[in-house]
């Protein structure tokens, strides 16, 4: 869990939004997890904090392929997945999106 994810969770609380489950394992066989999830209505949130600093989400094609496989499988299972950059968490875009969804 990252400082960015901690910050996002604080923003969610401050906005009075429902509390998500952190590090939610959504697949019975694979060890895939969502950064945040609302399992009751199948919304998931992925925070891509390292995109511009050679982070795990854009290091190479294999890592990207794994992310695509995870997200595609989630969608096959009926999950709606929101993806945000670290900047979108910092500038409030991410929490504003959740406000529109949950209010």
PDB file of N, CA and C in Angstrom:
ATOM      1  N   UNK A   1       0.844  -1.175   0.000  1.00  0.00           N
ATOM      2  CA  UNK A   1       0.000   0.000   0.000  1.00  0.00           C
ATOM      3  C   UNK A   1       0.884   1.231   0.000  1.00  0.00           C
ATOM      4  N   UNK A   2       0.501   2.169  -0.806  1.00  0.00           N
ATOM      5  CA  UNK A   2       1.344   3.338  -0.995  1.00  0.00           C
ATOM      6  C   UNK A   2       0.793   4.560  -0.265  1.00  0.00           C
ATOM      7  N   UNK A   3       1.653   5.550  -0.140  1.00  0.00           N
ATOM      8  CA  UNK A   3       1.247   6.824   0.449  1.00  0.00           C
ATOM      9  C   UNK A   3       0.149   7.464  -0.402  1.00  0.00           C
ATOM     10  N   UNK A   4       0.245   7.292  -1.699  1.00  0.00           N
ATOM     11  CA  UNK A   4      -0.770   7.825  -2.613  1.00  0.00           C
ATOM     12  C   UNK A   4      -2.134   7.176  -2.335  1.00  0.00           C
ATOM     13  N   UNK A   5      -2.144   5.869  -2.121  1.00  0.00           N
ATOM     14  CA  UNK A   5      -3.388   5.177  -1.807  1.00  0.00           C
ATOM     15  C   UNK A   5      -3.929   5.617  -0.448  1.00  0.00           C
ATOM     16  N   UNK A   6      -3.036   5.826   0.521  1.00  0.00           N
ATOM     17  CA  UNK A   6      -3.466   6.342   1.821  1.00  0.00           C
ATOM     18  C   UNK A   6      -4.130   7.706   1.667  1.00  0.00           C
ATOM     19  N   UNK A   7      -3.533   8.549   0.854  1.00  0.00           N
ATOM     20  CA  UNK A   7      -4.082   9.881   0.605  1.00  0.00           C
ATOM     21  C   UNK A   7      -5.462   9.788  -0.044  1.00  0.00           C
ATOM     22  N   UNK A   8      -5.596   8.890  -1.000  1.00  0.00           N
ATOM     23  CA  UNK A   8      -6.884   8.707  -1.677  1.00  0.00           C
ATOM     24  C   UNK A   8      -7.947   8.242  -0.684  1.00  0.00           C
ATOM     25  N   UNK A   9      -7.589   7.323   0.198  1.00  0.00           N
ATOM     26  CA  UNK A   9      -8.546   6.854   1.192  1.00  0.00           C
ATOM     27  C   UNK A   9      -8.991   7.996   2.107  1.00  0.00           C
ATOM     28  N   UNK A  10      -8.073   8.869   2.484  1.00  0.00           N
ATOM     29  CA  UNK A  10      -8.432  10.034   3.298  1.00  0.00           C
ATOM     30  C   UNK A  10      -9.382  10.963   2.544  1.00  0.00           C
ATOM     31  N   UNK A  11      -9.147  11.151   1.259  1.00  0.00           N
ATOM     32  CA  UNK A  11     -10.043  11.981   0.447  1.00  0.00           C
ATOM     33  C   UNK A  11     -11.445  11.385   0.384  1.00  0.00           C
ATOM     34  N   UNK A  12     -11.512  10.064   0.269  1.00  0.00           N
ATOM     35  CA  UNK A  12     -12.810   9.376   0.229  1.00  0.00           C
ATOM     36  C   UNK A  12     -13.571   9.626   1.534  1.00  0.00           C
ATOM     37  N   UNK A  13     -12.858   9.478   2.648  1.00  0.00           N
ATOM     38  CA  UNK A  13     -13.486   9.720   3.957  1.00  0.00           C
ATOM     39  C   UNK A  13     -13.956  11.156   4.096  1.00  0.00           C
ATOM     40  N   UNK A  14     -13.081  12.088   3.724  1.00  0.00           N
ATOM     41  CA  UNK A  14     -13.415  13.517   3.845  1.00  0.00           C
ATOM     42  C   UNK A  14     -14.637  13.885   3.004  1.00  0.00           C
ATOM     43  N   UNK A  15     -14.822  13.197   1.895  1.00  0.00           N
ATOM     44  CA  UNK A  15     -15.964  13.473   1.019  1.00  0.00           C
ATOM     45  C   UNK A  15     -17.240  12.791   1.506  1.00  0.00           C
ATOM     46  N   UNK A  16     -17.132  11.973   2.550  1.00  0.00           N
ATOM     47  CA  UNK A  16     -18.303  11.290   3.080  1.00  0.00           C
ATOM     48  C   UNK A  16     -18.787  10.147   2.205  1.00  0.00           C
ATOM     49  N   UNK A  17     -17.882   9.588   1.420  1.00  0.00           N
ATOM     50  CA  UNK A  17     -18.232   8.495   0.514  1.00  0.00           C
ATOM     51  C   UNK A  17     -18.146   7.153   1.238  1.00  0.00           C
ATOM     52  N   UNK A  18     -18.802   6.130   0.702  1.00  0.00           N
ATOM     53  CA  UNK A  18     -18.692   4.803   1.324  1.00  0.00           C
ATOM     54  C   UNK A  18     -17.236   4.346   1.375  1.00  0.00           C
ATOM     55  N   UNK A  19     -16.919   3.605   2.430  1.00  0.00           N
ATOM     56  CA  UNK A  19     -15.556   3.118   2.600  1.00  0.00           C
ATOM     57  C   UNK A  19     -15.324   1.914   1.683  1.00  0.00           C
ATOM     58  N   UNK A  20     -14.276   1.968   0.866  1.00  0.00           N
ATOM     59  CA  UNK A  20     -13.964   0.829   0.008  1.00  0.00           C
ATOM     60  C   UNK A  20     -13.134  -0.218   0.751  1.00  0.00           C
ATOM     61  N   UNK A  21     -13.058  -1.394   0.174  1.00  0.00           N
ATOM     62  CA  UNK A  21     -12.170  -2.441   0.663  1.00  0.00           C
ATOM     63  C   UNK A  21     -10.832  -2.250  -0.037  1.00  0.00           C
ATOM     64  N   UNK A  22      -9.758  -2.215   0.736  1.00  0.00           N
ATOM     65  CA  UNK A  22      -8.425  -2.064   0.131  1.00  0.00           C
ATOM     66  C   UNK A  22      -7.836  -3.429  -0.169  1.00  0.00           C
ATOM     67  N   UNK A  23      -7.063  -3.470  -1.247  1.00  0.00           N
ATOM     68  CA  UNK A  23      -6.365  -4.698  -1.656  1.00  0.00           C
ATOM     69  C   UNK A  23      -7.336  -5.878  -1.751  1.00  0.00           C
ATOM     70  N   UNK A  24      -8.426  -5.651  -2.452  1.00  0.00           N
ATOM     71  CA  UNK A  24      -9.483  -6.654  -2.574  1.00  0.00           C
ATOM     72  C   UNK A  24      -9.117  -7.703  -3.624  1.00  0.00           C
ATOM     73  N   UNK A  25      -9.066  -8.946  -3.195  1.00  0.00           N
ATOM     74  CA  UNK A  25      -8.771 -10.053  -4.116  1.00  0.00           C
ATOM     75  C   UNK A  25     -10.060 -10.447  -4.826  1.00  0.00           C
ATOM     76  N   UNK A  26     -10.088 -10.279  -6.132  1.00  0.00           N
ATOM     77  CA  UNK A  26     -11.326 -10.482  -6.877  1.00  0.00           C
ATOM     78  C   UNK A  26     -11.370 -11.770  -7.682  1.00  0.00           C
ATOM     79  N   UNK A  27     -10.297 -12.522  -7.698  1.00  0.00           N
ATOM     80  CA  UNK A  27     -10.251 -13.730  -8.513  1.00  0.00           C
ATOM     81  C   UNK A  27      -9.898 -14.921  -7.635  1.00  0.00           C
ATOM     82  N   UNK A  28     -10.638 -16.018  -7.785  1.00  0.00           N
ATOM     83  CA  UNK A  28     -10.434 -17.196  -6.940  1.00  0.00           C
ATOM     84  C   UNK A  28      -9.135 -17.941  -7.227  1.00  0.00           C
ATOM     85  N   UNK A  29      -8.682 -17.911  -8.479  1.00  0.00           N
ATOM     86  CA  UNK A  29      -7.500 -18.677  -8.854  1.00  0.00           C
ATOM     87  C   UNK A  29      -6.255 -17.805  -8.892  1.00  0.00           C
ATOM     88  N   UNK A  30      -6.341 -16.704  -9.607  1.00  0.00           N
ATOM     89  CA  UNK A  30      -5.208 -15.787  -9.693  1.00  0.00           C
ATOM     90  C   UNK A  30      -5.143 -14.948  -8.418  1.00  0.00           C
ATOM     91  N   UNK A  31      -3.991 -14.400  -8.141  1.00  0.00           N
ATOM     92  CA  UNK A  31      -3.828 -13.591  -6.927  1.00  0.00           C
ATOM     93  C   UNK A  31      -4.070 -12.106  -7.197  1.00  0.00           C
ATOM     94  N   UNK A  32      -4.857 -11.812  -8.203  1.00  0.00           N
ATOM     95  CA  UNK A  32      -5.120 -10.428  -8.566  1.00  0.00           C
ATOM     96  C   UNK A  32      -5.905  -9.711  -7.482  1.00  0.00           C
ATOM     97  N   UNK A  33      -5.511  -8.470  -7.282  1.00  0.00           N
ATOM     98  CA  UNK A  33      -6.183  -7.603  -6.315  1.00  0.00           C
ATOM     99  C   UNK A  33      -6.432  -6.242  -6.947  1.00  0.00           C
ATOM    100  N   UNK A  34      -7.483  -5.597  -6.473  1.00  0.00           N
ATOM    101  CA  UNK A  34      -7.733  -4.202  -6.813  1.00  0.00           C
ATOM    102  C   UNK A  34      -7.181  -3.349  -5.691  1.00  0.00           C
ATOM    103  N   UNK A  35      -6.709  -2.150  -6.008  1.00  0.00           N
ATOM    104  CA  UNK A  35      -6.263  -1.231  -4.965  1.00  0.00           C
ATOM    105  C   UNK A  35      -7.412  -0.918  -4.009  1.00  0.00           C
ATOM    106  N   UNK A  36      -8.574  -0.644  -4.576  1.00  0.00           N
ATOM    107  CA  UNK A  36      -9.790  -0.369  -3.812  1.00  0.00           C
ATOM    108  C   UNK A  36     -10.953  -1.040  -4.524  1.00  0.00           C
ATOM    109  N   UNK A  37     -11.938  -1.476  -3.753  1.00  0.00           N
ATOM    110  CA  UNK A  37     -13.112  -2.096  -4.373  1.00  0.00           C
ATOM    111  C   UNK A  37     -14.357  -1.850  -3.537  1.00  0.00           C
ATOM    112  N   UNK A  38     -15.464  -1.798  -4.246  1.00  0.00           N
ATOM    113  CA  UNK A  38     -16.784  -1.790  -3.653  1.00  0.00           C
ATOM    114  C   UNK A  38     -17.466  -3.065  -4.145  1.00  0.00           C
ATOM    115  N   UNK A  39     -17.202  -4.193  -3.475  1.00  0.00           N
ATOM    116  CA  UNK A  39     -17.679  -5.482  -3.976  1.00  0.00           C
ATOM    117  C   UNK A  39     -19.196  -5.575  -4.123  1.00  0.00           C
ATOM    118  N   UNK A  40     -19.930  -4.885  -3.269  1.00  0.00           N
ATOM    119  CA  UNK A  40     -21.385  -4.984  -3.315  1.00  0.00           C
ATOM    120  C   UNK A  40     -21.980  -4.475  -4.625  1.00  0.00           C
ATOM    121  N   UNK A  41     -21.309  -3.526  -5.289  1.00  0.00           N
ATOM    122  CA  UNK A  41     -21.794  -3.066  -6.583  1.00  0.00           C
ATOM    123  C   UNK A  41     -20.743  -3.189  -7.681  1.00  0.00           C
ATOM    124  N   UNK A  42     -19.702  -3.956  -7.392  1.00  0.00           N
ATOM    125  CA  UNK A  42     -18.686  -4.335  -8.375  1.00  0.00           C
ATOM    126  C   UNK A  42     -17.998  -3.154  -9.064  1.00  0.00           C
ATOM    127  N   UNK A  43     -17.669  -2.142  -8.274  1.00  0.00           N
ATOM    128  CA  UNK A  43     -16.815  -1.046  -8.732  1.00  0.00           C
ATOM    129  C   UNK A  43     -15.417  -1.301  -8.175  1.00  0.00           C
ATOM    130  N   UNK A  44     -14.412  -1.099  -9.002  1.00  0.00           N
ATOM    131  CA  UNK A  44     -13.024  -1.248  -8.565  1.00  0.00           C
ATOM    132  C   UNK A  44     -12.237  -0.014  -8.969  1.00  0.00           C
ATOM    133  N   UNK A  45     -11.176   0.251  -8.215  1.00  0.00           N
ATOM    134  CA  UNK A  45     -10.328   1.410  -8.491  1.00  0.00           C
ATOM    135  C   UNK A  45      -8.876   0.961  -8.474  1.00  0.00           C
ATOM    136  N   UNK A  46      -8.171   1.348  -9.522  1.00  0.00           N
ATOM    137  CA  UNK A  46      -6.738   1.092  -9.615  1.00  0.00           C
ATOM    138  C   UNK A  46      -6.026   2.437  -9.676  1.00  0.00           C
ATOM    139  N   UNK A  47      -5.019   2.611  -8.828  1.00  0.00           N
ATOM    140  CA  UNK A  47      -4.211   3.827  -8.806  1.00  0.00           C
ATOM    141  C   UNK A  47      -2.866   3.501  -9.432  1.00  0.00           C
ATOM    142  N   UNK A  48      -2.543   4.207 -10.497  1.00  0.00           N
ATOM    143  CA  UNK A  48      -1.280   3.994 -11.202  1.00  0.00           C
ATOM    144  C   UNK A  48      -0.332   5.141 -10.859  1.00  0.00           C
ATOM    145  N   UNK A  49       0.336   4.999  -9.736  1.00  0.00           N
ATOM    146  CA  UNK A  49       1.162   6.085  -9.230  1.00  0.00           C
ATOM    147  C   UNK A  49       2.526   6.204  -9.862  1.00  0.00           C
ATOM    148  N   UNK A  50       3.055   5.133 -10.453  1.00  0.00           N
ATOM    149  CA  UNK A  50       4.419   5.176 -10.951  1.00  0.00           C
ATOM    150  C   UNK A  50       4.538   5.310 -12.450  1.00  0.00           C
ATOM    151  N   UNK A  51       3.516   5.770 -13.107  1.00  0.00           N
ATOM    152  CA  UNK A  51       3.506   5.806 -14.563  1.00  0.00           C
ATOM    153  C   UNK A  51       4.589   6.645 -15.202  1.00  0.00           C
ATOM    154  N   UNK A  52       5.023   7.681 -14.520  1.00  0.00           N
ATOM    155  CA  UNK A  52       5.991   8.598 -15.121  1.00  0.00           C
ATOM    156  C   UNK A  52       7.395   8.425 -14.556  1.00  0.00           C
ATOM    157  N   UNK A  53       7.562   7.491 -13.634  1.00  0.00           N
ATOM    158  CA  UNK A  53       8.875   7.308 -13.019  1.00  0.00           C
ATOM    159  C   UNK A  53       9.346   5.869 -13.169  1.00  0.00           C
ATOM    160  N   UNK A  54       9.097   5.300 -14.325  1.00  0.00           N
ATOM    161  CA  UNK A  54       9.486   3.926 -14.612  1.00  0.00           C
ATOM    162  C   UNK A  54       8.862   2.948 -13.628  1.00  0.00           C
ATOM    163  N   UNK A  55       7.611   3.228 -13.265  1.00  0.00           N
ATOM    164  CA  UNK A  55       6.909   2.374 -12.321  1.00  0.00           C
ATOM    165  C   UNK A  55       6.405   1.104 -12.966  1.00  0.00           C
ATOM    166  N   UNK A  56       5.839   0.253 -12.160  1.00  0.00           N
ATOM    167  CA  UNK A  56       5.395  -1.059 -12.605  1.00  0.00           C
ATOM    168  C   UNK A  56       4.402  -1.045 -13.740  1.00  0.00           C
ATOM    169  N   UNK A  57       3.681   0.030 -13.933  1.00  0.00           N
ATOM    170  CA  UNK A  57       2.634   0.031 -14.943  1.00  0.00           C
ATOM    171  C   UNK A  57       3.113   0.439 -16.329  1.00  0.00           C
ATOM    172  N   UNK A  58       4.334   0.842 -16.482  1.00  0.00           N
ATOM    173  CA  UNK A  58       4.798   1.118 -17.844  1.00  0.00           C
ATOM    174  C   UNK A  58       6.261   0.757 -18.050  1.00  0.00           C
ATOM    175  N   UNK A  59       6.768  -0.148 -17.284  1.00  0.00           N
ATOM    176  CA  UNK A  59       8.163  -0.538 -17.414  1.00  0.00           C
ATOM    177  C   UNK A  59       8.444  -1.257 -18.720  1.00  0.00           C
ATOM    178  N   UNK A  60       7.573  -2.202 -19.068  1.00  0.00           N
ATOM    179  CA  UNK A  60       7.798  -2.941 -20.295  1.00  0.00           C
ATOM    180  C   UNK A  60       6.501  -3.580 -20.756  1.00  0.00           C
ATOM    181  N   UNK A  61       6.551  -4.156 -21.940  1.00  0.00           N
ATOM    182  CA  UNK A  61       5.348  -4.726 -22.542  1.00  0.00           C
ATOM    183  C   UNK A  61       4.784  -5.886 -21.730  1.00  0.00           C
ATOM    184  N   UNK A  62       5.635  -6.686 -21.092  1.00  0.00           N
ATOM    185  CA  UNK A  62       5.146  -7.824 -20.318  1.00  0.00           C
ATOM    186  C   UNK A  62       4.316  -7.354 -19.128  1.00  0.00           C
ATOM    187  N   UNK A  63       4.787  -6.321 -18.429  1.00  0.00           N
ATOM    188  CA  UNK A  63       4.040  -5.794 -17.291  1.00  0.00           C
ATOM    189  C   UNK A  63       2.709  -5.209 -17.764  1.00  0.00           C
ATOM    190  N   UNK A  64       2.726  -4.500 -18.869  1.00  0.00           N
ATOM    191  CA  UNK A  64       1.486  -3.942 -19.412  1.00  0.00           C
ATOM    192  C   UNK A  64       0.523  -5.054 -19.807  1.00  0.00           C
ATOM    193  N   UNK A  65       1.048  -6.110 -20.427  1.00  0.00           N
ATOM    194  CA  UNK A  65       0.209  -7.226 -20.837  1.00  0.00           C
ATOM    195  C   UNK A  65      -0.473  -7.848 -19.627  1.00  0.00           C
ATOM    196  N   UNK A  66       0.265  -7.991 -18.525  1.00  0.00           N
ATOM    197  CA  UNK A  66      -0.313  -8.554 -17.300  1.00  0.00           C
ATOM    198  C   UNK A  66      -1.433  -7.670 -16.756  1.00  0.00           C
ATOM    199  N   UNK A  67      -1.216  -6.362 -16.793  1.00  0.00           N
ATOM    200  CA  UNK A  67      -2.269  -5.434 -16.352  1.00  0.00           C
ATOM    201  C   UNK A  67      -3.506  -5.572 -17.229  1.00  0.00           C
ATOM    202  N   UNK A  68      -3.313  -5.640 -18.537  1.00  0.00           N
ATOM    203  CA  UNK A  68      -4.452  -5.779 -19.453  1.00  0.00           C
ATOM    204  C   UNK A  68      -5.197  -7.087 -19.195  1.00  0.00           C
ATOM    205  N   UNK A  69      -4.454  -8.170 -18.981  1.00  0.00           N
ATOM    206  CA  UNK A  69      -5.077  -9.463 -18.696  1.00  0.00           C
ATOM    207  C   UNK A  69      -5.929  -9.368 -17.428  1.00  0.00           C
ATOM    208  N   UNK A  70      -5.381  -8.764 -16.388  1.00  0.00           N
ATOM    209  CA  UNK A  70      -6.107  -8.598 -15.126  1.00  0.00           C
ATOM    210  C   UNK A  70      -7.386  -7.786 -15.331  1.00  0.00           C
ATOM    211  N   UNK A  71      -7.263  -6.631 -15.990  1.00  0.00           N
ATOM    212  CA  UNK A  71      -8.421  -5.746 -16.162  1.00  0.00           C
ATOM    213  C   UNK A  71      -9.457  -6.340 -17.100  1.00  0.00           C
ATOM    214  N   UNK A  72      -9.028  -7.013 -18.144  1.00  0.00           N
ATOM    215  CA  UNK A  72      -9.973  -7.662 -19.051  1.00  0.00           C
ATOM    216  C   UNK A  72     -10.730  -8.778 -18.344  1.00  0.00           C
ATOM    217  N   UNK A  73     -10.028  -9.564 -17.538  1.00  0.00           N
ATOM    218  CA  UNK A  73     -10.685 -10.630 -16.786  1.00  0.00           C
ATOM    219  C   UNK A  73     -11.691 -10.045 -15.802  1.00  0.00           C
ATOM    220  N   UNK A  74     -11.307  -8.968 -15.141  1.00  0.00           N
ATOM    221  CA  UNK A  74     -12.229  -8.313 -14.209  1.00  0.00           C
ATOM    222  C   UNK A  74     -13.506  -7.892 -14.919  1.00  0.00           C
ATOM    223  N   UNK A  75     -13.363  -7.333 -16.104  1.00  0.00           N
ATOM    224  CA  UNK A  75     -14.539  -6.910 -16.851  1.00  0.00           C
ATOM    225  C   UNK A  75     -15.387  -8.105 -17.285  1.00  0.00           C
ATOM    226  N   UNK A  76     -14.741  -9.193 -17.651  1.00  0.00           N
ATOM    227  CA  UNK A  76     -15.484 -10.409 -17.991  1.00  0.00           C
ATOM    228  C   UNK A  76     -16.328 -10.883 -16.809  1.00  0.00           C
ATOM    229  N   UNK A  77     -15.824 -10.676 -15.606  1.00  0.00           N
ATOM    230  CA  UNK A  77     -16.529 -11.082 -14.388  1.00  0.00           C
ATOM    231  C   UNK A  77     -17.583 -10.067 -13.949  1.00  0.00           C
ATOM    232  N   UNK A  78     -17.691  -8.962 -14.673  1.00  0.00           N
ATOM    233  CA  UNK A  78     -18.716  -7.969 -14.380  1.00  0.00           C
ATOM    234  C   UNK A  78     -18.255  -6.754 -13.598  1.00  0.00           C
ATOM    235  N   UNK A  79     -16.947  -6.640 -13.341  1.00  0.00           N
ATOM    236  CA  UNK A  79     -16.428  -5.485 -12.618  1.00  0.00           C
ATOM    237  C   UNK A  79     -16.351  -4.262 -13.519  1.00  0.00           C
ATOM    238  N   UNK A  80     -16.619  -3.105 -12.934  1.00  0.00           N
ATOM    239  CA  UNK A  80     -16.382  -1.819 -13.590  1.00  0.00           C
ATOM    240  C   UNK A  80     -15.141  -1.237 -12.920  1.00  0.00           C
ATOM    241  N   UNK A  81     -14.108  -1.019 -13.712  1.00  0.00           N
ATOM    242  CA  UNK A  81     -12.817  -0.626 -13.149  1.00  0.00           C
ATOM    243  C   UNK A  81     -12.483   0.813 -13.544  1.00  0.00           C
ATOM    244  N   UNK A  82     -12.276   1.646 -12.530  1.00  0.00           N
ATOM    245  CA  UNK A  82     -11.813   3.011 -12.733  1.00  0.00           C
ATOM    246  C   UNK A  82     -10.304   3.018 -12.542  1.00  0.00           C
ATOM    247  N   UNK A  83      -9.601   3.737 -13.412  1.00  0.00           N
ATOM    248  CA  UNK A  83      -8.152   3.828 -13.311  1.00  0.00           C
ATOM    249  C   UNK A  83      -7.750   5.286 -13.225  1.00  0.00           C
ATOM    250  N   UNK A  84      -6.881   5.583 -12.264  1.00  0.00           N
ATOM    251  CA  UNK A  84      -6.444   6.956 -12.058  1.00  0.00           C
ATOM    252  C   UNK A  84      -4.931   7.018 -11.939  1.00  0.00           C
ATOM    253  N   UNK A  85      -4.377   8.117 -12.385  1.00  0.00           N
ATOM    254  CA  UNK A  85      -2.955   8.381 -12.186  1.00  0.00           C
ATOM    255  C   UNK A  85      -2.759   9.013 -10.810  1.00  0.00           C
ATOM    256  N   UNK A  86      -1.529   9.066 -10.378  1.00  0.00           N
ATOM    257  CA  UNK A  86      -1.217   9.743  -9.129  1.00  0.00           C
ATOM    258  C   UNK A  86      -1.622  11.206  -9.162  1.00  0.00           C
ATOM    259  N   UNK A  87      -1.422  11.845 -10.288  1.00  0.00           N
ATOM    260  CA  UNK A  87      -1.808  13.259 -10.409  1.00  0.00           C
ATOM    261  C   UNK A  87      -3.313  13.444 -10.266  1.00  0.00           C
ATOM    262  N   UNK A  88      -4.097  12.501 -10.783  1.00  0.00           N
ATOM    263  CA  UNK A  88      -5.553  12.598 -10.654  1.00  0.00           C
ATOM    264  C   UNK A  88      -5.999  12.413  -9.203  1.00  0.00           C
ATOM    265  N   UNK A  89      -5.247  11.650  -8.441  1.00  0.00           N
ATOM    266  CA  UNK A  89      -5.538  11.540  -7.006  1.00  0.00           C
ATOM    267  C   UNK A  89      -5.188  12.858  -6.336  1.00  0.00           C
ATOM    268  N   UNK A  90      -4.006  13.379  -6.635  1.00  0.00           N
ATOM    269  CA  UNK A  90      -3.532  14.606  -5.989  1.00  0.00           C
ATOM    270  C   UNK A  90      -4.408  15.811  -6.297  1.00  0.00           C
ATOM    271  N   UNK A  91      -4.889  15.927  -7.530  1.00  0.00           N
ATOM    272  CA  UNK A  91      -5.673  17.120  -7.882  1.00  0.00           C
ATOM    273  C   UNK A  91      -7.174  16.962  -7.668  1.00  0.00           C
ATOM    274  N   UNK A  92      -7.608  15.813  -7.128  1.00  0.00           N
ATOM    275  CA  UNK A  92      -9.009  15.636  -6.773  1.00  0.00           C
ATOM    276  C   UNK A  92      -9.890  15.035  -7.851  1.00  0.00           C
ATOM    277  N   UNK A  93      -9.374  14.800  -9.024  1.00  0.00           N
ATOM    278  CA  UNK A  93     -10.182  14.226 -10.106  1.00  0.00           C
ATOM    279  C   UNK A  93     -10.730  12.856  -9.705  1.00  0.00           C
ATOM    280  N   UNK A  94      -9.903  12.039  -9.059  1.00  0.00           N
ATOM    281  CA  UNK A  94     -10.320  10.690  -8.692  1.00  0.00           C
ATOM    282  C   UNK A  94     -11.485  10.715  -7.712  1.00  0.00           C
ATOM    283  N   UNK A  95     -11.359  11.465  -6.633  1.00  0.00           N
ATOM    284  CA  UNK A  95     -12.436  11.496  -5.645  1.00  0.00           C
ATOM    285  C   UNK A  95     -13.677  12.175  -6.215  1.00  0.00           C
ATOM    286  N   UNK A  96     -13.507  13.165  -7.074  1.00  0.00           N
ATOM    287  CA  UNK A  96     -14.665  13.806  -7.707  1.00  0.00           C
ATOM    288  C   UNK A  96     -15.432  12.811  -8.579  1.00  0.00           C
ATOM    289  N   UNK A  97     -14.722  11.916  -9.231  1.00  0.00           N
ATOM    290  CA  UNK A  97     -15.378  10.886 -10.034  1.00  0.00           C
ATOM    291  C   UNK A  97     -16.225   9.991  -9.138  1.00  0.00           C
ATOM    292  N   UNK A  98     -15.666   9.586  -8.006  1.00  0.00           N
ATOM    293  CA  UNK A  98     -16.441   8.747  -7.077  1.00  0.00           C
ATOM    294  C   UNK A  98     -17.656   9.489  -6.532  1.00  0.00           C
ATOM    295  N   UNK A  99     -17.496  10.760  -6.284  1.00  0.00           N
ATOM    296  CA  UNK A  99     -18.646  11.557  -5.806  1.00  0.00           C
ATOM    297  C   UNK A  99     -19.777  11.519  -6.819  1.00  0.00           C
ATOM    298  N   UNK A 100     -19.460  11.644  -8.078  1.00  0.00           N
ATOM    299  CA  UNK A 100     -20.506  11.596  -9.117  1.00  0.00           C
ATOM    300  C   UNK A 100     -21.170  10.206  -9.160  1.00  0.00           C
ATOM    301  N   UNK A 101     -20.394   9.165  -8.926  1.00  0.00           N
ATOM    302  CA  UNK A 101     -20.927   7.805  -8.977  1.00  0.00           C
ATOM    303  C   UNK A 101     -21.819   7.504  -7.769  1.00  0.00           C
ATOM    304  N   UNK A 102     -21.375   7.903  -6.591  1.00  0.00           N
ATOM    305  CA  UNK A 102     -22.055   7.488  -5.366  1.00  0.00           C
ATOM    306  C   UNK A 102     -23.061   8.478  -4.800  1.00  0.00           C
ATOM    307  N   UNK A 103     -23.119   9.670  -5.353  1.00  0.00           N
ATOM    308  CA  UNK A 103     -24.099  10.636  -4.819  1.00  0.00           C
ATOM    309  C   UNK A 103     -25.232  10.865  -5.770  1.00  0.00           C
TER     310      UNK A 103
END
